[in-house]
C-alpha cells in the first residue's frame, strides 16, 4: 500500500511542519545530518508520514532531534511508495546508514532528484554549483 504525496494543507499544519523542519535543522549535530534533514524537509512527503516521524524524531533537552539510527532497519515498514523509499535510502546513506547504490536515483522523479542533487552538494560543502532545470 502506498501513501499519496500528501503535503500539509491547512495553515496550522503548514506552520507545524515549518516549525518541525527548523527545529530538526537547528538540532542537527553534523553537516551530514544537516544535509540529510534539509533533504527530508524539502521533500516533505516522507517526513509527513507519522510512522517515519515516530521512528526518526527523538525528544532531547534541546527539543526534537533527528535520530536517523531510529530508521535503520525500518525503511520498509512505513507506507512509502517506491520513489519515497529510494529517496529515503539515499538520505540514510548520507549519514552512513545502509548501503545504497547511486543507481537508486533512477527511481526518483524530477523534484526528488533535484532535492537529492542539492543535498549532495551540501554534503560536499559546495555552495557554488546550482541545480535547476535546463531550458
N, C-alpha and C. Protein backbone atom coordinates (compact mmCIF):
# COMPACT_ATOMS: atom_id res chain seq x y z
N UNK A 1 0.85 -1.18 0.00
CA UNK A 1 0.00 0.00 0.00
C UNK A 1 0.89 1.23 0.00
N UNK A 2 0.55 2.19 -0.82
CA UNK A 2 1.37 3.39 -0.88
C UNK A 2 0.56 4.58 -0.38
N UNK A 3 1.28 5.58 0.05
CA UNK A 3 0.61 6.79 0.51
C UNK A 3 0.64 7.81 -0.59
N UNK A 4 -0.39 8.63 -0.68
CA UNK A 4 -0.35 9.69 -1.66
C UNK A 4 0.69 10.71 -1.25
N UNK A 5 1.13 11.50 -2.20
CA UNK A 5 2.11 12.53 -1.89
C UNK A 5 1.43 13.67 -1.18
N UNK A 6 1.03 13.39 0.06
CA UNK A 6 0.29 14.37 0.84
C UNK A 6 1.24 15.41 1.42
N UNK A 7 0.84 16.64 1.32
CA UNK A 7 1.57 17.73 1.94
C UNK A 7 0.62 18.40 2.91
N UNK A 8 1.17 18.99 3.95
CA UNK A 8 0.28 19.70 4.88
C UNK A 8 -0.55 20.72 4.10
N UNK A 9 -1.88 20.71 4.34
CA UNK A 9 -2.74 21.56 3.53
C UNK A 9 -3.31 22.75 4.31
N UNK A 10 -3.47 22.61 5.59
CA UNK A 10 -4.01 23.72 6.36
C UNK A 10 -2.88 24.62 6.83
N UNK A 11 -3.21 25.90 7.08
CA UNK A 11 -2.16 26.80 7.57
C UNK A 11 -1.52 26.31 8.87
N UNK A 12 -2.32 25.72 9.77
CA UNK A 12 -1.77 25.20 11.02
C UNK A 12 -0.80 24.05 10.76
N UNK A 13 -1.17 23.13 9.85
CA UNK A 13 -0.30 22.01 9.52
C UNK A 13 0.97 22.51 8.83
N UNK A 14 0.82 23.49 7.97
CA UNK A 14 1.98 24.09 7.29
C UNK A 14 2.92 24.73 8.29
N UNK A 15 2.37 25.49 9.24
CA UNK A 15 3.19 26.13 10.27
C UNK A 15 3.88 25.09 11.14
N UNK A 16 3.17 24.03 11.49
CA UNK A 16 3.75 22.96 12.32
C UNK A 16 4.89 22.26 11.57
N UNK A 17 4.69 21.99 10.30
CA UNK A 17 5.73 21.35 9.50
C UNK A 17 6.95 22.26 9.40
N UNK A 18 6.72 23.54 9.17
CA UNK A 18 7.82 24.52 9.10
C UNK A 18 8.58 24.56 10.43
N UNK A 19 7.86 24.57 11.54
CA UNK A 19 8.48 24.61 12.86
C UNK A 19 9.31 23.34 13.09
N UNK A 20 8.76 22.20 12.73
CA UNK A 20 9.48 20.94 12.89
C UNK A 20 10.76 20.94 12.07
N UNK A 21 10.67 21.36 10.82
CA UNK A 21 11.85 21.41 9.96
C UNK A 21 12.93 22.31 10.52
N UNK A 22 12.55 23.48 10.99
CA UNK A 22 13.51 24.41 11.58
C UNK A 22 14.15 23.82 12.83
N UNK A 23 13.34 23.16 13.65
CA UNK A 23 13.85 22.54 14.88
C UNK A 23 14.83 21.42 14.56
N UNK A 24 14.50 20.56 13.61
CA UNK A 24 15.38 19.46 13.25
C UNK A 24 16.70 19.97 12.67
N UNK A 25 16.63 21.04 11.89
CA UNK A 25 17.86 21.63 11.36
C UNK A 25 18.70 22.26 12.47
N UNK A 26 18.05 22.91 13.39
CA UNK A 26 18.74 23.58 14.50
C UNK A 26 19.48 22.56 15.38
N UNK A 27 18.91 21.38 15.57
CA UNK A 27 19.50 20.40 16.47
C UNK A 27 20.40 19.39 15.75
N UNK A 28 20.56 19.54 14.42
CA UNK A 28 21.46 18.65 13.68
C UNK A 28 22.89 18.86 14.16
N UNK A 29 23.57 17.79 14.51
CA UNK A 29 24.89 17.88 15.13
C UNK A 29 26.05 17.89 14.14
N UNK A 30 25.81 17.51 12.89
CA UNK A 30 26.90 17.45 11.92
C UNK A 30 26.40 17.94 10.56
N UNK A 31 27.34 18.22 9.68
CA UNK A 31 26.97 18.67 8.34
C UNK A 31 26.25 17.56 7.58
N UNK A 32 26.63 16.31 7.83
CA UNK A 32 25.94 15.19 7.18
C UNK A 32 24.48 15.12 7.62
N UNK A 33 24.27 15.24 8.92
CA UNK A 33 22.91 15.19 9.44
C UNK A 33 22.10 16.38 8.95
N UNK A 34 22.72 17.54 8.93
CA UNK A 34 22.03 18.75 8.47
C UNK A 34 21.61 18.61 6.99
N UNK A 35 22.51 18.08 6.16
CA UNK A 35 22.19 17.88 4.74
C UNK A 35 21.05 16.87 4.58
N UNK A 36 21.07 15.81 5.37
CA UNK A 36 20.03 14.78 5.29
C UNK A 36 18.68 15.34 5.78
N UNK A 37 18.70 16.08 6.88
CA UNK A 37 17.46 16.68 7.40
C UNK A 37 16.90 17.67 6.38
N UNK A 38 17.76 18.51 5.82
CA UNK A 38 17.30 19.50 4.84
C UNK A 38 16.64 18.81 3.65
N UNK A 39 17.21 17.70 3.20
CA UNK A 39 16.63 16.96 2.08
C UNK A 39 15.24 16.43 2.44
N UNK A 40 15.08 15.88 3.64
CA UNK A 40 13.77 15.38 4.06
C UNK A 40 12.75 16.51 4.20
N UNK A 41 13.19 17.63 4.71
CA UNK A 41 12.29 18.78 4.88
C UNK A 41 11.85 19.29 3.51
N UNK A 42 12.77 19.39 2.57
CA UNK A 42 12.42 19.84 1.22
C UNK A 42 11.49 18.85 0.52
N UNK A 43 11.74 17.56 0.72
CA UNK A 43 10.92 16.53 0.07
C UNK A 43 9.51 16.48 0.65
N UNK A 44 9.34 16.73 1.90
CA UNK A 44 8.09 16.87 2.63
C UNK A 44 7.27 15.60 2.81
N UNK A 45 7.00 14.84 1.77
CA UNK A 45 6.03 13.75 1.87
C UNK A 45 6.49 12.65 2.81
N UNK A 46 7.78 12.37 2.83
CA UNK A 46 8.29 11.30 3.69
C UNK A 46 8.19 11.71 5.16
N UNK A 47 8.58 12.94 5.45
CA UNK A 47 8.52 13.44 6.82
C UNK A 47 7.08 13.65 7.29
N UNK A 48 6.14 13.67 6.37
CA UNK A 48 4.72 13.80 6.72
C UNK A 48 4.09 12.47 7.13
N UNK A 49 4.79 11.36 6.90
CA UNK A 49 4.28 10.04 7.28
C UNK A 49 4.51 9.84 8.78
N UNK A 50 3.44 9.67 9.56
CA UNK A 50 3.58 9.54 11.02
C UNK A 50 4.56 8.45 11.45
N UNK A 51 4.58 7.30 10.78
CA UNK A 51 5.49 6.22 11.16
C UNK A 51 6.96 6.64 10.98
N UNK A 52 7.23 7.42 9.96
CA UNK A 52 8.59 7.91 9.74
C UNK A 52 8.98 8.88 10.85
N UNK A 53 8.09 9.83 11.14
CA UNK A 53 8.38 10.80 12.21
C UNK A 53 8.58 10.09 13.54
N UNK A 54 7.75 9.09 13.81
CA UNK A 54 7.86 8.35 15.07
C UNK A 54 9.22 7.65 15.18
N UNK A 55 9.70 7.07 14.07
CA UNK A 55 10.98 6.36 14.10
C UNK A 55 12.17 7.31 14.06
N UNK A 56 12.01 8.46 13.45
CA UNK A 56 13.12 9.39 13.22
C UNK A 56 13.35 10.38 14.35
N UNK A 57 12.29 10.91 14.92
CA UNK A 57 12.41 12.06 15.82
C UNK A 57 12.44 11.61 17.28
N UNK A 58 13.42 12.11 18.00
CA UNK A 58 13.52 11.85 19.43
C UNK A 58 13.50 13.19 20.16
N UNK A 59 12.98 13.16 21.39
CA UNK A 59 12.98 14.36 22.23
C UNK A 59 14.27 14.41 23.03
N UNK A 60 14.91 15.58 23.03
CA UNK A 60 16.14 15.78 23.79
C UNK A 60 15.97 17.03 24.64
N UNK A 61 16.96 17.33 25.43
CA UNK A 61 16.93 18.56 26.22
C UNK A 61 16.87 19.80 25.34
N UNK A 62 17.40 19.69 24.11
CA UNK A 62 17.38 20.79 23.15
C UNK A 62 16.11 20.82 22.30
N UNK A 63 15.22 19.88 22.53
CA UNK A 63 13.99 19.78 21.73
C UNK A 63 14.06 18.57 20.80
N UNK A 64 13.16 18.53 19.85
CA UNK A 64 13.11 17.41 18.91
C UNK A 64 14.36 17.39 18.05
N UNK A 65 14.83 16.17 17.76
CA UNK A 65 16.06 15.98 17.01
C UNK A 65 15.92 14.77 16.11
N UNK A 66 16.52 14.83 14.92
CA UNK A 66 16.51 13.68 14.02
C UNK A 66 17.54 12.67 14.49
N UNK A 67 17.09 11.45 14.68
CA UNK A 67 17.94 10.34 15.09
C UNK A 67 17.80 9.28 14.01
N UNK A 68 18.65 9.39 12.98
CA UNK A 68 18.50 8.54 11.80
C UNK A 68 18.66 7.07 12.10
N UNK A 69 19.36 6.75 13.17
CA UNK A 69 19.51 5.35 13.54
C UNK A 69 18.15 4.72 13.86
N UNK A 70 17.18 5.54 14.26
CA UNK A 70 15.84 5.05 14.53
C UNK A 70 15.15 4.50 13.29
N UNK A 71 15.59 4.97 12.12
CA UNK A 71 15.03 4.48 10.87
C UNK A 71 15.76 3.26 10.34
N UNK A 72 16.92 2.98 10.90
CA UNK A 72 17.72 1.85 10.44
C UNK A 72 16.91 0.56 10.57
N UNK A 73 16.80 -0.16 9.50
CA UNK A 73 16.05 -1.41 9.51
C UNK A 73 14.55 -1.23 9.42
N UNK A 74 14.08 0.02 9.39
CA UNK A 74 12.63 0.26 9.33
C UNK A 74 12.22 0.95 8.04
N UNK A 75 13.12 1.04 7.07
CA UNK A 75 12.80 1.73 5.83
C UNK A 75 11.67 1.07 5.06
N UNK A 76 11.48 -0.22 5.26
CA UNK A 76 10.44 -0.93 4.52
C UNK A 76 9.12 -0.97 5.29
N UNK A 77 9.15 -0.58 6.56
CA UNK A 77 7.94 -0.62 7.38
C UNK A 77 6.91 0.44 7.03
N UNK A 78 7.31 1.71 7.03
CA UNK A 78 6.31 2.75 6.76
C UNK A 78 5.73 2.62 5.35
N UNK A 79 4.51 3.06 5.19
CA UNK A 79 3.85 3.01 3.88
C UNK A 79 4.43 4.09 2.98
N UNK A 80 5.48 3.74 2.26
CA UNK A 80 6.11 4.65 1.33
C UNK A 80 6.06 4.04 -0.06
N UNK A 81 5.91 4.89 -1.07
CA UNK A 81 5.96 4.37 -2.43
C UNK A 81 7.42 4.15 -2.83
N UNK A 82 7.64 3.61 -4.00
CA UNK A 82 8.99 3.26 -4.43
C UNK A 82 9.91 4.48 -4.51
N UNK A 83 9.40 5.58 -5.03
CA UNK A 83 10.20 6.81 -5.12
C UNK A 83 10.57 7.35 -3.75
N UNK A 84 9.62 7.33 -2.83
CA UNK A 84 9.89 7.79 -1.47
C UNK A 84 10.92 6.89 -0.79
N UNK A 85 10.77 5.59 -0.99
CA UNK A 85 11.70 4.64 -0.37
C UNK A 85 13.11 4.83 -0.93
N UNK A 86 13.24 5.00 -2.24
CA UNK A 86 14.56 5.22 -2.85
C UNK A 86 15.18 6.50 -2.31
N UNK A 87 14.38 7.55 -2.20
CA UNK A 87 14.87 8.82 -1.68
C UNK A 87 15.34 8.64 -0.23
N UNK A 88 14.54 7.97 0.58
CA UNK A 88 14.89 7.75 1.98
C UNK A 88 16.18 6.94 2.09
N UNK A 89 16.34 5.91 1.27
CA UNK A 89 17.58 5.12 1.30
C UNK A 89 18.79 5.99 0.98
N UNK A 90 18.66 6.87 -0.01
CA UNK A 90 19.77 7.76 -0.36
C UNK A 90 20.07 8.72 0.78
N UNK A 91 19.02 9.25 1.43
CA UNK A 91 19.22 10.15 2.57
C UNK A 91 19.92 9.41 3.70
N UNK A 92 19.50 8.20 3.99
CA UNK A 92 20.14 7.42 5.05
C UNK A 92 21.61 7.14 4.72
N UNK A 93 21.91 6.93 3.45
CA UNK A 93 23.30 6.68 3.08
C UNK A 93 24.16 7.93 3.31
N UNK A 94 23.54 9.11 3.28
CA UNK A 94 24.28 10.35 3.54
C UNK A 94 24.79 10.40 4.97
N UNK A 95 24.09 9.76 5.87
CA UNK A 95 24.51 9.76 7.28
C UNK A 95 25.19 8.44 7.65
N UNK A 96 25.50 7.62 6.65
CA UNK A 96 26.27 6.41 6.89
C UNK A 96 25.45 5.20 7.29
N UNK A 97 24.16 5.20 6.99
CA UNK A 97 23.31 4.06 7.34
C UNK A 97 22.92 3.33 6.06
N UNK A 98 23.21 2.04 6.02
CA UNK A 98 22.84 1.23 4.87
C UNK A 98 23.80 1.36 3.72
N UNK A 99 23.61 0.51 2.76
CA UNK A 99 24.40 0.54 1.54
C UNK A 99 23.43 0.74 0.39
N UNK A 100 23.48 1.91 -0.19
CA UNK A 100 22.57 2.24 -1.29
C UNK A 100 23.40 2.67 -2.48
N UNK A 101 23.18 2.04 -3.60
CA UNK A 101 23.93 2.42 -4.79
C UNK A 101 23.31 3.66 -5.43
N UNK A 102 24.13 4.39 -6.15
CA UNK A 102 23.64 5.59 -6.82
C UNK A 102 22.62 5.29 -7.91
N UNK A 103 22.53 4.04 -8.34
CA UNK A 103 21.53 3.71 -9.34
C UNK A 103 20.11 3.91 -8.80
N UNK A 104 19.98 4.08 -7.49
CA UNK A 104 18.67 4.36 -6.88
C UNK A 104 18.08 5.66 -7.40
N UNK A 105 18.91 6.54 -7.94
CA UNK A 105 18.38 7.80 -8.46
C UNK A 105 17.44 7.56 -9.63
N UNK A 106 17.51 6.39 -10.26
CA UNK A 106 16.60 6.07 -11.36
C UNK A 106 15.15 6.01 -10.89
N UNK A 107 14.94 5.79 -9.60
CA UNK A 107 13.59 5.69 -9.05
C UNK A 107 13.05 7.03 -8.56
N UNK A 108 13.83 8.10 -8.71
CA UNK A 108 13.40 9.42 -8.25
C UNK A 108 12.74 10.19 -9.37
N UNK A 109 11.69 10.93 -9.03
CA UNK A 109 11.10 11.84 -10.01
C UNK A 109 11.97 13.09 -10.09
N UNK A 110 11.66 14.00 -11.01
CA UNK A 110 12.49 15.19 -11.21
C UNK A 110 12.63 16.02 -9.95
N UNK A 111 11.54 16.19 -9.21
CA UNK A 111 11.57 17.01 -8.00
C UNK A 111 12.50 16.40 -6.95
N UNK A 112 12.36 15.11 -6.71
CA UNK A 112 13.21 14.45 -5.71
C UNK A 112 14.67 14.41 -6.17
N UNK A 113 14.89 14.24 -7.46
CA UNK A 113 16.25 14.23 -7.97
C UNK A 113 16.93 15.58 -7.74
N UNK A 114 16.22 16.67 -7.98
CA UNK A 114 16.79 18.00 -7.72
C UNK A 114 17.12 18.17 -6.24
N UNK A 115 16.23 17.73 -5.38
CA UNK A 115 16.48 17.83 -3.93
C UNK A 115 17.71 17.02 -3.56
N UNK A 116 17.83 15.81 -4.08
CA UNK A 116 18.97 14.96 -3.76
C UNK A 116 20.27 15.56 -4.29
N UNK A 117 20.24 16.12 -5.48
CA UNK A 117 21.45 16.76 -6.02
C UNK A 117 21.89 17.93 -5.15
N UNK A 118 20.93 18.73 -4.69
CA UNK A 118 21.28 19.84 -3.78
C UNK A 118 21.83 19.30 -2.47
N UNK A 119 21.27 18.20 -1.98
CA UNK A 119 21.75 17.61 -0.73
C UNK A 119 23.18 17.10 -0.88
N UNK A 120 23.49 16.51 -2.02
CA UNK A 120 24.85 16.03 -2.26
C UNK A 120 25.82 17.21 -2.30
N UNK A 121 25.40 18.30 -2.92
CA UNK A 121 26.25 19.49 -2.94
C UNK A 121 26.47 20.02 -1.53
N UNK A 122 25.41 20.06 -0.71
CA UNK A 122 25.55 20.50 0.69
C UNK A 122 26.51 19.58 1.43
N UNK A 123 26.36 18.28 1.22
CA UNK A 123 27.21 17.30 1.87
C UNK A 123 28.67 17.52 1.49
N UNK A 124 28.91 17.90 0.24
CA UNK A 124 30.27 18.15 -0.23
C UNK A 124 30.78 19.52 0.20
N UNK A 125 29.91 20.33 0.81
CA UNK A 125 30.32 21.67 1.22
C UNK A 125 30.43 22.62 0.05
N UNK A 126 29.73 22.33 -1.04
CA UNK A 126 29.81 23.14 -2.25
C UNK A 126 28.60 24.06 -2.34
N UNK A 127 28.83 25.36 -2.30
CA UNK A 127 27.74 26.31 -2.45
C UNK A 127 27.87 27.09 -3.75
N UNK A 128 28.73 26.63 -4.65
CA UNK A 128 28.97 27.33 -5.90
C UNK A 128 28.16 26.78 -7.07
N UNK A 129 27.85 25.49 -7.04
CA UNK A 129 27.09 24.88 -8.13
C UNK A 129 25.60 25.01 -7.87
N UNK A 130 24.86 25.21 -8.93
CA UNK A 130 23.41 25.34 -8.81
C UNK A 130 22.74 24.13 -9.48
N UNK A 131 21.60 23.74 -8.95
CA UNK A 131 20.82 22.65 -9.53
C UNK A 131 19.50 23.24 -9.95
N UNK A 132 19.14 23.01 -11.20
CA UNK A 132 17.87 23.53 -11.70
C UNK A 132 17.52 22.86 -13.00
N UNK A 133 16.54 23.39 -13.65
CA UNK A 133 16.09 22.83 -14.94
C UNK A 133 16.83 23.48 -16.09
N UNK A 134 17.13 22.67 -17.07
CA UNK A 134 17.72 23.17 -18.30
C UNK A 134 16.58 23.69 -19.16
N UNK A 135 16.75 24.86 -19.71
CA UNK A 135 15.69 25.46 -20.55
C UNK A 135 15.80 25.07 -21.97
